[in-house]
Each structure stands twice: as structure tokens, then as C-alpha cells.
Amino acid sequence: PVIARVQGHALGGGCGLVACSDIAVAAPDTKFAFSEVKLGIIPAVIS
């Protein structure tokens, strides 16, 4: 089992790491985004 300990930012591929983990625990002020479209691309590999 993989536990993700998440704080600060989990953006793009960082969200992918969280999604791959079995259990994810985050600090309440963490910010997330599947931000690839902002760069004109898509979150294909993490999808």
C-alpha cells in the first residue's frame, strides 16, 4: 500500500502521483489542479 503525504501544491503530474496512491492525506490548505490545458496540452498520461 502507498500513502501519499500531500501539502502545498499538487498540480498536473503531481495530481497524477496522488491518484496513483492507495491512500492520500492532504493538508487543508493544499491546492490541486489538472492544469495541463492551461499549457495547451492535456492530462493524457495521468488520465
ModelCIF file with pLDDT and N, C-alpha, C, O atoms, coordinates in Angstrom:
data_MODEL
#
_entry.id   MODEL 
#
_entity.id                         1 
_entity.type                       polymer 
_entity.pdbx_number_of_molecules   1 
#
_entity_poly.entity_id                      1 
_entity_poly.type                           'polypeptide(L)' 
_entity_poly.nstd_linkage                   no 
_entity_poly.nstd_monomer                   no 
_entity_poly.pdbx_seq_one_letter_code       PVIARVQGHALGGGCGLVACSDIAVAAPDTKFAFSEVKLGIIPAVIS 
_entity_poly.pdbx_seq_one_letter_code_can   PVIARVQGHALGGGCGLVACSDIAVAAPDTKFAFSEVKLGIIPAVIS 
_entity_poly.pdbx_strand_id                 A 
#
loop_
_entity_poly_seq.entity_id 
_entity_poly_seq.num 
_entity_poly_seq.mon_id 
_entity_poly_seq.hetero 
1 1  PRO n 
1 2  VAL n 
1 3  ILE n 
1 4  ALA n 
1 5  ARG n 
1 6  VAL n 
1 7  GLN n 
1 8  GLY n 
1 9  HIS n 
1 10 ALA n 
1 11 LEU n 
1 12 GLY n 
1 13 GLY n 
1 14 GLY n 
1 15 CYS n 
1 16 GLY n 
1 17 LEU n 
1 18 VAL n 
1 19 ALA n 
1 20 CYS n 
1 21 SER n 
1 22 ASP n 
1 23 ILE n 
1 24 ALA n 
1 25 VAL n 
1 26 ALA n 
1 27 ALA n 
1 28 PRO n 
1 29 ASP n 
1 30 THR n 
1 31 LYS n 
1 32 PHE n 
1 33 ALA n 
1 34 PHE n 
1 35 SER n 
1 36 GLU n 
1 37 VAL n 
1 38 LYS n 
1 39 LEU n 
1 40 GLY n 
1 41 ILE n 
1 42 ILE n 
1 43 PRO n 
1 44 ALA n 
1 45 VAL n 
1 46 ILE n 
1 47 SER n 
#
_struct_asym.id          A 
_struct_asym.entity_id   1 
#
loop_
_ma_qa_metric.id 
_ma_qa_metric.mode 
_ma_qa_metric.name 
_ma_qa_metric.software_group_id 
_ma_qa_metric.type 
1 global pLDDT . pLDDT 
2 local  pLDDT . pLDDT 
#
_ma_qa_metric_global.metric_id      1 
_ma_qa_metric_global.metric_value   96.34 
_ma_qa_metric_global.model_id       1 
_ma_qa_metric_global.ordinal_id     1 
#
loop_
_ma_qa_metric_local.label_asym_id 
_ma_qa_metric_local.label_comp_id 
_ma_qa_metric_local.label_seq_id 
_ma_qa_metric_local.metric_id 
_ma_qa_metric_local.metric_value 
_ma_qa_metric_local.model_id 
_ma_qa_metric_local.ordinal_id 
A PRO 1  2 98.00 1 1  
A VAL 2  2 98.00 1 2  
A ILE 3  2 98.00 1 3  
A ALA 4  2 98.00 1 4  
A ARG 5  2 98.00 1 5  
A VAL 6  2 98.00 1 6  
A GLN 7  2 98.00 1 7  
A GLY 8  2 97.00 1 8  
A HIS 9  2 97.00 1 9  
A ALA 10 2 97.00 1 10 
A LEU 11 2 96.00 1 11 
A GLY 12 2 94.00 1 12 
A GLY 13 2 94.00 1 13 
A GLY 14 2 96.00 1 14 
A CYS 15 2 97.00 1 15 
A GLY 16 2 96.00 1 16 
A LEU 17 2 97.00 1 17 
A VAL 18 2 98.00 1 18 
A ALA 19 2 98.00 1 19 
A CYS 20 2 97.00 1 20 
A SER 21 2 98.00 1 21 
A ASP 22 2 98.00 1 22 
A ILE 23 2 98.00 1 23 
A ALA 24 2 98.00 1 24 
A VAL 25 2 98.00 1 25 
A ALA 26 2 98.00 1 26 
A ALA 27 2 98.00 1 27 
A PRO 28 2 98.00 1 28 
A ASP 29 2 98.00 1 29 
A THR 30 2 98.00 1 30 
A LYS 31 2 98.00 1 31 
A PHE 32 2 98.00 1 32 
A ALA 33 2 97.00 1 33 
A PHE 34 2 97.00 1 34 
A SER 35 2 94.00 1 35 
A GLU 36 2 93.00 1 36 
A VAL 37 2 94.00 1 37 
A LYS 38 2 93.00 1 38 
A LEU 39 2 89.00 1 39 
A GLY 40 2 91.00 1 40 
A ILE 41 2 92.00 1 41 
A ILE 42 2 94.00 1 42 
A PRO 43 2 95.00 1 43 
A ALA 44 2 95.00 1 44 
A VAL 45 2 95.00 1 45 
A ILE 46 2 96.00 1 46 
A SER 47 2 97.00 1 47 
#
loop_
_atom_site.group_PDB 
_atom_site.id 
_atom_site.type_symbol 
_atom_site.label_atom_id 
_atom_site.label_alt_id 
_atom_site.label_comp_id 
_atom_site.label_asym_id 
_atom_site.label_entity_id 
_atom_site.label_seq_id 
_atom_site.pdbx_PDB_ins_code 
_atom_site.Cartn_x 
_atom_site.Cartn_y 
_atom_site.Cartn_z 
_atom_site.occupancy 
_atom_site.B_iso_or_equiv 
_atom_site.pdbx_formal_charge 
_atom_site.auth_seq_id 
_atom_site.auth_comp_id 
_atom_site.auth_asym_id 
_atom_site.auth_atom_id 
_atom_site.pdbx_PDB_model_num 
ATOM 1   N N  . PRO A 1 1  ? 0.825  -1.207 0.000   1.00 98.00 ? 1  PRO A N  1 
ATOM 2   C CA . PRO A 1 1  ? 0.000  0.000  0.000   1.00 98.00 ? 1  PRO A CA 1 
ATOM 3   C C  . PRO A 1 1  ? 0.862  1.260  0.000   1.00 98.00 ? 1  PRO A C  1 
ATOM 4   O O  . PRO A 1 1  ? 1.876  1.335  0.693   1.00 98.00 ? 1  PRO A O  1 
ATOM 5   N N  . VAL A 1 2  ? 0.439  2.249  -0.791  1.00 98.00 ? 2  VAL A N  1 
ATOM 6   C CA . VAL A 1 2  ? 1.172  3.512  -0.914  1.00 98.00 ? 2  VAL A CA 1 
ATOM 7   C C  . VAL A 1 2  ? 0.329  4.635  -0.308  1.00 98.00 ? 2  VAL A C  1 
ATOM 8   O O  . VAL A 1 2  ? -0.830 4.827  -0.677  1.00 98.00 ? 2  VAL A O  1 
ATOM 9   N N  . ILE A 1 3  ? 0.928  5.368  0.624   1.00 98.00 ? 3  ILE A N  1 
ATOM 10  C CA . ILE A 1 3  ? 0.280  6.531  1.238   1.00 98.00 ? 3  ILE A CA 1 
ATOM 11  C C  . ILE A 1 3  ? 0.945  7.788  0.695   1.00 98.00 ? 3  ILE A C  1 
ATOM 12  O O  . ILE A 1 3  ? 2.165  7.926  0.777   1.00 98.00 ? 3  ILE A O  1 
ATOM 13  N N  . ALA A 1 4  ? 0.159  8.703  0.144   1.00 98.00 ? 4  ALA A N  1 
ATOM 14  C CA . ALA A 1 4  ? 0.680  9.991  -0.298  1.00 98.00 ? 4  ALA A CA 1 
ATOM 15  C C  . ALA A 1 4  ? 0.474  11.025 0.804   1.00 98.00 ? 4  ALA A C  1 
ATOM 16  O O  . ALA A 1 4  ? -0.636 11.202 1.307   1.00 98.00 ? 4  ALA A O  1 
ATOM 17  N N  . ARG A 1 5  ? 1.534  11.687 1.163   1.00 98.00 ? 5  ARG A N  1 
ATOM 18  C CA . ARG A 1 5  ? 1.508  12.766 2.175   1.00 98.00 ? 5  ARG A CA 1 
ATOM 19  C C  . ARG A 1 5  ? 1.594  14.078 1.399   1.00 98.00 ? 5  ARG A C  1 
ATOM 20  O O  . ARG A 1 5  ? 2.656  14.421 0.879   1.00 98.00 ? 5  ARG A O  1 
ATOM 21  N N  . VAL A 1 6  ? 0.490  14.808 1.318   1.00 98.00 ? 6  VAL A N  1 
ATOM 22  C CA . VAL A 1 6  ? 0.365  15.894 0.333   1.00 98.00 ? 6  VAL A CA 1 
ATOM 23  C C  . VAL A 1 6  ? 0.230  17.246 1.032   1.00 98.00 ? 6  VAL A C  1 
ATOM 24  O O  . VAL A 1 6  ? -0.591 17.408 1.934   1.00 98.00 ? 6  VAL A O  1 
ATOM 25  N N  . GLN A 1 7  ? 1.046  18.216 0.605   1.00 98.00 ? 7  GLN A N  1 
ATOM 26  C CA . GLN A 1 7  ? 0.977  19.557 1.161   1.00 98.00 ? 7  GLN A CA 1 
ATOM 27  C C  . GLN A 1 7  ? 1.308  20.566 0.071   1.00 98.00 ? 7  GLN A C  1 
ATOM 28  O O  . GLN A 1 7  ? 1.895  20.223 -0.955  1.00 98.00 ? 7  GLN A O  1 
ATOM 29  N N  . GLY A 1 8  ? 0.920  21.819 0.309   1.00 97.00 ? 8  GLY A N  1 
ATOM 30  C CA . GLY A 1 8  ? 1.300  22.896 -0.597  1.00 97.00 ? 8  GLY A CA 1 
ATOM 31  C C  . GLY A 1 8  ? 0.558  22.863 -1.913  1.00 97.00 ? 8  GLY A C  1 
ATOM 32  O O  . GLY A 1 8  ? -0.552 23.382 -2.028  1.00 97.00 ? 8  GLY A O  1 
ATOM 33  N N  . HIS A 1 9  ? 1.183  22.244 -2.911  1.00 97.00 ? 9  HIS A N  1 
ATOM 34  C CA . HIS A 1 9  ? 0.591  22.146 -4.239  1.00 97.00 ? 9  HIS A CA 1 
ATOM 35  C C  . HIS A 1 9  ? 0.751  20.727 -4.789  1.00 97.00 ? 9  HIS A C  1 
ATOM 36  O O  . HIS A 1 9  ? 1.786  20.085 -4.607  1.00 97.00 ? 9  HIS A O  1 
ATOM 37  N N  . ALA A 1 10 ? -0.288 20.260 -5.460  1.00 97.00 ? 10 ALA A N  1 
ATOM 38  C CA . ALA A 1 10 ? -0.238 19.035 -6.261  1.00 97.00 ? 10 ALA A CA 1 
ATOM 39  C C  . ALA A 1 10 ? -0.876 19.404 -7.591  1.00 97.00 ? 10 ALA A C  1 
ATOM 40  O O  . ALA A 1 10 ? -2.100 19.407 -7.722  1.00 97.00 ? 10 ALA A O  1 
ATOM 41  N N  . LEU A 1 11 ? -0.054 19.710 -8.563  1.00 96.00 ? 11 LEU A N  1 
ATOM 42  C CA . LEU A 1 11 ? -0.527 20.239 -9.837  1.00 96.00 ? 11 LEU A CA 1 
ATOM 43  C C  . LEU A 1 11 ? -0.125 19.309 -10.983 1.00 96.00 ? 11 LEU A C  1 
ATOM 44  O O  . LEU A 1 11 ? 0.955  18.718 -10.957 1.00 96.00 ? 11 LEU A O  1 
ATOM 45  N N  . GLY A 1 12 ? -0.989 19.181 -11.982 1.00 94.00 ? 12 GLY A N  1 
ATOM 46  C CA . GLY A 1 12 ? -0.663 18.383 -13.154 1.00 94.00 ? 12 GLY A CA 1 
ATOM 47  C C  . GLY A 1 12 ? -0.240 16.977 -12.770 1.00 94.00 ? 12 GLY A C  1 
ATOM 48  O O  . GLY A 1 12 ? -1.006 16.220 -12.174 1.00 94.00 ? 12 GLY A O  1 
ATOM 49  N N  . GLY A 1 13 ? 0.998  16.641 -13.124 1.00 94.00 ? 13 GLY A N  1 
ATOM 50  C CA . GLY A 1 13 ? 1.517  15.317 -12.782 1.00 94.00 ? 13 GLY A CA 1 
ATOM 51  C C  . GLY A 1 13 ? 1.556  15.049 -11.295 1.00 94.00 ? 13 GLY A C  1 
ATOM 52  O O  . GLY A 1 13 ? 1.536  13.891 -10.876 1.00 94.00 ? 13 GLY A O  1 
ATOM 53  N N  . GLY A 1 14 ? 1.613  16.112 -10.476 1.00 96.00 ? 14 GLY A N  1 
ATOM 54  C CA . GLY A 1 14 ? 1.529  15.935 -9.025  1.00 96.00 ? 14 GLY A CA 1 
ATOM 55  C C  . GLY A 1 14 ? 0.199  15.337 -8.629  1.00 96.00 ? 14 GLY A C  1 
ATOM 56  O O  . GLY A 1 14 ? 0.137  14.503 -7.725  1.00 96.00 ? 14 GLY A O  1 
ATOM 57  N N  . CYS A 1 15 ? -0.877 15.755 -9.299  1.00 97.00 ? 15 CYS A N  1 
ATOM 58  C CA . CYS A 1 15 ? -2.189 15.121 -9.085  1.00 97.00 ? 15 CYS A CA 1 
ATOM 59  C C  . CYS A 1 15 ? -2.160 13.665 -9.532  1.00 97.00 ? 15 CYS A C  1 
ATOM 60  O O  . CYS A 1 15 ? -2.823 12.812 -8.942  1.00 97.00 ? 15 CYS A O  1 
ATOM 61  N N  . GLY A 1 16 ? -1.387 13.390 -10.579 1.00 96.00 ? 16 GLY A N  1 
ATOM 62  C CA . GLY A 1 16 ? -1.244 12.007 -11.023 1.00 96.00 ? 16 GLY A CA 1 
ATOM 63  C C  . GLY A 1 16 ? -0.621 11.130 -9.960  1.00 96.00 ? 16 GLY A C  1 
ATOM 64  O O  . GLY A 1 16 ? -1.043 9.989  -9.768  1.00 96.00 ? 16 GLY A O  1 
ATOM 65  N N  . LEU A 1 17 ? 0.387  11.653 -9.261  1.00 97.00 ? 17 LEU A N  1 
ATOM 66  C CA . LEU A 1 17 ? 1.003  10.896 -8.169  1.00 97.00 ? 17 LEU A CA 1 
ATOM 67  C C  . LEU A 1 17 ? -0.003 10.615 -7.058  1.00 97.00 ? 17 LEU A C  1 
ATOM 68  O O  . LEU A 1 17 ? -0.038 9.515  -6.506  1.00 97.00 ? 17 LEU A O  1 
ATOM 69  N N  . VAL A 1 18 ? -0.822 11.614 -6.735  1.00 98.00 ? 18 VAL A N  1 
ATOM 70  C CA . VAL A 1 18 ? -1.842 11.424 -5.710  1.00 98.00 ? 18 VAL A CA 1 
ATOM 71  C C  . VAL A 1 18 ? -2.827 10.349 -6.149  1.00 98.00 ? 18 VAL A C  1 
ATOM 72  O O  . VAL A 1 18 ? -3.215 9.494  -5.353  1.00 98.00 ? 18 VAL A O  1 
ATOM 73  N N  . ALA A 1 19 ? -3.231 10.394 -7.415  1.00 98.00 ? 19 ALA A N  1 
ATOM 74  C CA . ALA A 1 19 ? -4.202 9.431  -7.934  1.00 98.00 ? 19 ALA A CA 1 
ATOM 75  C C  . ALA A 1 19 ? -3.646 8.010  -7.949  1.00 98.00 ? 19 ALA A C  1 
ATOM 76  O O  . ALA A 1 19 ? -4.406 7.051  -7.807  1.00 98.00 ? 19 ALA A O  1 
ATOM 77  N N  . CYS A 1 20 ? -2.346 7.863  -8.117  1.00 97.00 ? 20 CYS A N  1 
ATOM 78  C CA . CYS A 1 20 ? -1.723 6.530  -8.144  1.00 97.00 ? 20 CYS A CA 1 
ATOM 79  C C  . CYS A 1 20 ? -1.587 5.915  -6.758  1.00 97.00 ? 20 CYS A C  1 
ATOM 80  O O  . CYS A 1 20 ? -1.376 4.709  -6.631  1.00 97.00 ? 20 CYS A O  1 
ATOM 81  N N  . SER A 1 21 ? -1.706 6.728  -5.728  1.00 98.00 ? 21 SER A N  1 
ATOM 82  C CA . SER A 1 21 ? -1.527 6.237  -4.365  1.00 98.00 ? 21 SER A CA 1 
ATOM 83  C C  . SER A 1 21 ? -2.808 5.584  -3.859  1.00 98.00 ? 21 SER A C  1 
ATOM 84  O O  . SER A 1 21 ? -3.908 5.951  -4.271  1.00 98.00 ? 21 SER A O  1 
ATOM 85  N N  . ASP A 1 22 ? -2.656 4.630  -2.978  1.00 98.00 ? 22 ASP A N  1 
ATOM 86  C CA . ASP A 1 22 ? -3.821 3.932  -2.423  1.00 98.00 ? 22 ASP A CA 1 
ATOM 87  C C  . ASP A 1 22 ? -4.565 4.808  -1.427  1.00 98.00 ? 22 ASP A C  1 
ATOM 88  O O  . ASP A 1 22 ? -5.795 4.795  -1.376  1.00 98.00 ? 22 ASP A O  1 
ATOM 89  N N  . ILE A 1 23 ? -3.823 5.563  -0.643  1.00 98.00 ? 23 ILE A N  1 
ATOM 90  C CA . ILE A 1 23 ? -4.401 6.446  0.364   1.00 98.00 ? 23 ILE A CA 1 
ATOM 91  C C  . ILE A 1 23 ? -3.700 7.791  0.253   1.00 98.00 ? 23 ILE A C  1 
ATOM 92  O O  . ILE A 1 23 ? -2.472 7.850  0.189   1.00 98.00 ? 23 ILE A O  1 
ATOM 93  N N  . ALA A 1 24 ? -4.474 8.873  0.232   1.00 98.00 ? 24 ALA A N  1 
ATOM 94  C CA . ALA A 1 24 ? -3.887 10.208 0.149   1.00 98.00 ? 24 ALA A CA 1 
ATOM 95  C C  . ALA A 1 24 ? -4.393 11.056 1.304   1.00 98.00 ? 24 ALA A C  1 
ATOM 96  O O  . ALA A 1 24 ? -5.598 11.187 1.519   1.00 98.00 ? 24 ALA A O  1 
ATOM 97  N N  . VAL A 1 25 ? -3.443 11.633 2.050   1.00 98.00 ? 25 VAL A N  1 
ATOM 98  C CA . VAL A 1 25 ? -3.751 12.532 3.155   1.00 98.00 ? 25 VAL A CA 1 
ATOM 99  C C  . VAL A 1 25 ? -3.181 13.896 2.803   1.00 98.00 ? 25 VAL A C  1 
ATOM 100 O O  . VAL A 1 25 ? -2.006 14.012 2.454   1.00 98.00 ? 25 VAL A O  1 
ATOM 101 N N  . ALA A 1 26 ? -4.017 14.934 2.894   1.00 98.00 ? 26 ALA A N  1 
ATOM 102 C CA . ALA A 1 26 ? -3.583 16.265 2.477   1.00 98.00 ? 26 ALA A CA 1 
ATOM 103 C C  . ALA A 1 26 ? -3.768 17.281 3.583   1.00 98.00 ? 26 ALA A C  1 
ATOM 104 O O  . ALA A 1 26 ? -4.680 17.177 4.403   1.00 98.00 ? 26 ALA A O  1 
ATOM 105 N N  . ALA A 1 27 ? -2.882 18.270 3.591   1.00 98.00 ? 27 ALA A N  1 
ATOM 106 C CA . ALA A 1 27 ? -3.063 19.421 4.470   1.00 98.00 ? 27 ALA A CA 1 
ATOM 107 C C  . ALA A 1 27 ? -4.262 20.232 3.972   1.00 98.00 ? 27 ALA A C  1 
ATOM 108 O O  . ALA A 1 27 ? -4.490 20.308 2.764   1.00 98.00 ? 27 ALA A O  1 
ATOM 109 N N  . PRO A 1 28 ? -5.028 20.835 4.877   1.00 98.00 ? 28 PRO A N  1 
ATOM 110 C CA . PRO A 1 28 ? -6.253 21.538 4.476   1.00 98.00 ? 28 PRO A CA 1 
ATOM 111 C C  . PRO A 1 28 ? -6.044 22.698 3.507   1.00 98.00 ? 28 PRO A C  1 
ATOM 112 O O  . PRO A 1 28 ? -6.970 23.065 2.784   1.00 98.00 ? 28 PRO A O  1 
ATOM 113 N N  . ASP A 1 29 ? -4.842 23.285 3.478   1.00 98.00 ? 29 ASP A N  1 
ATOM 114 C CA . ASP A 1 29 ? -4.610 24.425 2.585   1.00 98.00 ? 29 ASP A CA 1 
ATOM 115 C C  . ASP A 1 29 ? -3.941 24.032 1.273   1.00 98.00 ? 29 ASP A C  1 
ATOM 116 O O  . ASP A 1 29 ? -3.486 24.905 0.534   1.00 98.00 ? 29 ASP A O  1 
ATOM 117 N N  . THR A 1 30 ? -3.871 22.738 0.970   1.00 98.00 ? 30 THR A N  1 
ATOM 118 C CA . THR A 1 30 ? -3.264 22.277 -0.278  1.00 98.00 ? 30 THR A CA 1 
ATOM 119 C C  . THR A 1 30 ? -4.106 22.717 -1.475  1.00 98.00 ? 30 THR A C  1 
ATOM 120 O O  . THR A 1 30 ? -5.336 22.722 -1.417  1.00 98.00 ? 30 THR A O  1 
ATOM 121 N N  . LYS A 1 31 ? -3.423 23.086 -2.562  1.00 98.00 ? 31 LYS A N  1 
ATOM 122 C CA . LYS A 1 31 ? -4.091 23.440 -3.808  1.00 98.00 ? 31 LYS A CA 1 
ATOM 123 C C  . LYS A 1 31 ? -3.796 22.375 -4.868  1.00 98.00 ? 31 LYS A C  1 
ATOM 124 O O  . LYS A 1 31 ? -2.672 21.887 -4.990  1.00 98.00 ? 31 LYS A O  1 
ATOM 125 N N  . PHE A 1 32 ? -4.829 22.032 -5.624  1.00 98.00 ? 32 PHE A N  1 
ATOM 126 C CA . PHE A 1 32 ? -4.732 20.994 -6.648  1.00 98.00 ? 32 PHE A CA 1 
ATOM 127 C C  . PHE A 1 32 ? -5.147 21.569 -7.994  1.00 98.00 ? 32 PHE A C  1 
ATOM 128 O O  . PHE A 1 32 ? -5.873 22.562 -8.052  1.00 98.00 ? 32 PHE A O  1 
ATOM 129 N N  . ALA A 1 33 ? -4.682 20.939 -9.089  1.00 97.00 ? 33 ALA A N  1 
ATOM 130 C CA . ALA A 1 33 ? -5.166 21.307 -10.425 1.00 97.00 ? 33 ALA A CA 1 
ATOM 131 C C  . ALA A 1 33 ? -4.700 20.267 -11.437 1.00 97.00 ? 33 ALA A C  1 
ATOM 132 O O  . ALA A 1 33 ? -3.562 19.801 -11.393 1.00 97.00 ? 33 ALA A O  1 
ATOM 133 N N  . PHE A 1 34 ? -5.597 19.916 -12.341 1.00 97.00 ? 34 PHE A N  1 
ATOM 134 C CA . PHE A 1 34 ? -5.219 19.203 -13.558 1.00 97.00 ? 34 PHE A CA 1 
ATOM 135 C C  . PHE A 1 34 ? -4.988 20.311 -14.595 1.00 97.00 ? 34 PHE A C  1 
ATOM 136 O O  . PHE A 1 34 ? -5.851 20.600 -15.423 1.00 97.00 ? 34 PHE A O  1 
ATOM 137 N N  . SER A 1 35 ? -3.823 20.906 -14.525 1.00 94.00 ? 35 SER A N  1 
ATOM 138 C CA . SER A 1 35 ? -3.584 22.214 -15.145 1.00 94.00 ? 35 SER A CA 1 
ATOM 139 C C  . SER A 1 35 ? -3.067 22.146 -16.579 1.00 94.00 ? 35 SER A C  1 
ATOM 140 O O  . SER A 1 35 ? -2.720 23.180 -17.151 1.00 94.00 ? 35 SER A O  1 
ATOM 141 N N  . GLU A 1 36 ? -3.007 20.966 -17.167 1.00 93.00 ? 36 GLU A N  1 
ATOM 142 C CA . GLU A 1 36 ? -2.368 20.819 -18.478 1.00 93.00 ? 36 GLU A CA 1 
ATOM 143 C C  . GLU A 1 36 ? -2.985 21.693 -19.561 1.00 93.00 ? 36 GLU A C  1 
ATOM 144 O O  . GLU A 1 36 ? -2.266 22.234 -20.402 1.00 93.00 ? 36 GLU A O  1 
ATOM 145 N N  . VAL A 1 37 ? -4.326 21.840 -19.551 1.00 94.00 ? 37 VAL A N  1 
ATOM 146 C CA . VAL A 1 37 ? -4.955 22.637 -20.624 1.00 94.00 ? 37 VAL A CA 1 
ATOM 147 C C  . VAL A 1 37 ? -4.507 24.090 -20.596 1.00 94.00 ? 37 VAL A C  1 
ATOM 148 O O  . VAL A 1 37 ? -4.580 24.773 -21.618 1.00 94.00 ? 37 VAL A O  1 
ATOM 149 N N  . LYS A 1 38 ? -4.051 24.572 -19.460 1.00 93.00 ? 38 LYS A N  1 
ATOM 150 C CA . LYS A 1 38 ? -3.552 25.938 -19.384 1.00 93.00 ? 38 LYS A CA 1 
ATOM 151 C C  . LYS A 1 38 ? -2.284 26.106 -20.233 1.00 93.00 ? 38 LYS A C  1 
ATOM 152 O O  . LYS A 1 38 ? -1.906 27.223 -20.585 1.00 93.00 ? 38 LYS A O  1 
ATOM 153 N N  . LEU A 1 39 ? -1.635 24.978 -20.555 1.00 89.00 ? 39 LEU A N  1 
ATOM 154 C CA . LEU A 1 39 ? -0.434 24.999 -21.397 1.00 89.00 ? 39 LEU A CA 1 
ATOM 155 C C  . LEU A 1 39 ? -0.735 24.550 -22.823 1.00 89.00 ? 39 LEU A C  1 
ATOM 156 O O  . LEU A 1 39 ? 0.174  24.392 -23.637 1.00 89.00 ? 39 LEU A O  1 
ATOM 157 N N  . GLY A 1 40 ? -2.016 24.347 -23.118 1.00 91.00 ? 40 GLY A N  1 
ATOM 158 C CA . GLY A 1 40 ? -2.382 23.908 -24.454 1.00 91.00 ? 40 GLY A CA 1 
ATOM 159 C C  . GLY A 1 40 ? -2.195 22.423 -24.678 1.00 91.00 ? 40 GLY A C  1 
ATOM 160 O O  . GLY A 1 40 ? -2.184 21.966 -25.822 1.00 91.00 ? 40 GLY A O  1 
ATOM 161 N N  . ILE A 1 41 ? -2.046 21.655 -23.598 1.00 92.00 ? 41 ILE A N  1 
ATOM 162 C CA . ILE A 1 41 ? -1.915 20.200 -23.709 1.00 92.00 ? 41 ILE A CA 1 
ATOM 163 C C  . ILE A 1 41 ? -3.016 19.547 -22.869 1.00 92.00 ? 41 ILE A C  1 
ATOM 164 O O  . ILE A 1 41 ? -3.926 20.236 -22.408 1.00 92.00 ? 41 ILE A O  1 
ATOM 165 N N  . ILE A 1 42 ? -2.946 18.248 -22.669 1.00 94.00 ? 42 ILE A N  1 
ATOM 166 C CA . ILE A 1 42 ? -3.991 17.536 -21.931 1.00 94.00 ? 42 ILE A CA 1 
ATOM 167 C C  . ILE A 1 42 ? -3.358 16.576 -20.930 1.00 94.00 ? 42 ILE A C  1 
ATOM 168 O O  . ILE A 1 42 ? -2.208 16.175 -21.106 1.00 94.00 ? 42 ILE A O  1 
ATOM 169 N N  . PRO A 1 43 ? -4.105 16.195 -19.864 1.00 95.00 ? 43 PRO A N  1 
ATOM 170 C CA . PRO A 1 43 ? -3.568 15.266 -18.857 1.00 95.00 ? 43 PRO A CA 1 
ATOM 171 C C  . PRO A 1 43 ? -3.694 13.809 -19.290 1.00 95.00 ? 43 PRO A C  1 
ATOM 172 O O  . PRO A 1 43 ? -4.242 12.980 -18.563 1.00 95.00 ? 43 PRO A O  1 
ATOM 173 N N  . ALA A 1 44 ? -3.185 13.508 -20.475 1.00 95.00 ? 44 ALA A N  1 
ATOM 174 C CA . ALA A 1 44 ? -3.409 12.197 -21.084 1.00 95.00 ? 44 ALA A CA 1 
ATOM 175 C C  . ALA A 1 44 ? -2.777 11.059 -20.288 1.00 95.00 ? 44 ALA A C  1 
ATOM 176 O O  . ALA A 1 44 ? -3.443 10.064 -20.003 1.00 95.00 ? 44 ALA A O  1 
ATOM 177 N N  . VAL A 1 45 ? -1.511 11.190 -19.928 1.00 95.00 ? 45 VAL A N  1 
ATOM 178 C CA . VAL A 1 45 ? -0.799 10.075 -19.303 1.00 95.00 ? 45 VAL A CA 1 
ATOM 179 C C  . VAL A 1 45 ? -1.336 9.788  -17.901 1.00 95.00 ? 45 VAL A C  1 
ATOM 180 O O  . VAL A 1 45 ? -1.390 8.632  -17.484 1.00 95.00 ? 45 VAL A O  1 
ATOM 181 N N  . ILE A 1 46 ? -1.731 10.825 -17.179 1.00 96.00 ? 46 ILE A N  1 
ATOM 182 C CA . ILE A 1 46 ? -2.252 10.598 -15.831 1.00 96.00 ? 46 ILE A CA 1 
ATOM 183 C C  . ILE A 1 46 ? -3.735 10.250 -15.835 1.00 96.00 ? 46 ILE A C  1 
ATOM 184 O O  . ILE A 1 46 ? -4.279 9.872  -14.797 1.00 96.00 ? 46 ILE A O  1 
ATOM 185 N N  . SER A 1 47 ? -4.401 10.370 -16.983 1.00 97.00 ? 47 SER A N  1 
ATOM 186 C CA . SER A 1 47 ? -5.862 10.231 -17.015 1.00 97.00 ? 47 SER A CA 1 
ATOM 187 C C  . SER A 1 47 ? -6.386 8.872  -16.544 1.00 97.00 ? 47 SER A C  1 
ATOM 188 O O  . SER A 1 47 ? -7.596 8.647  -16.529 1.00 97.00 ? 47 SER A O  1 
#
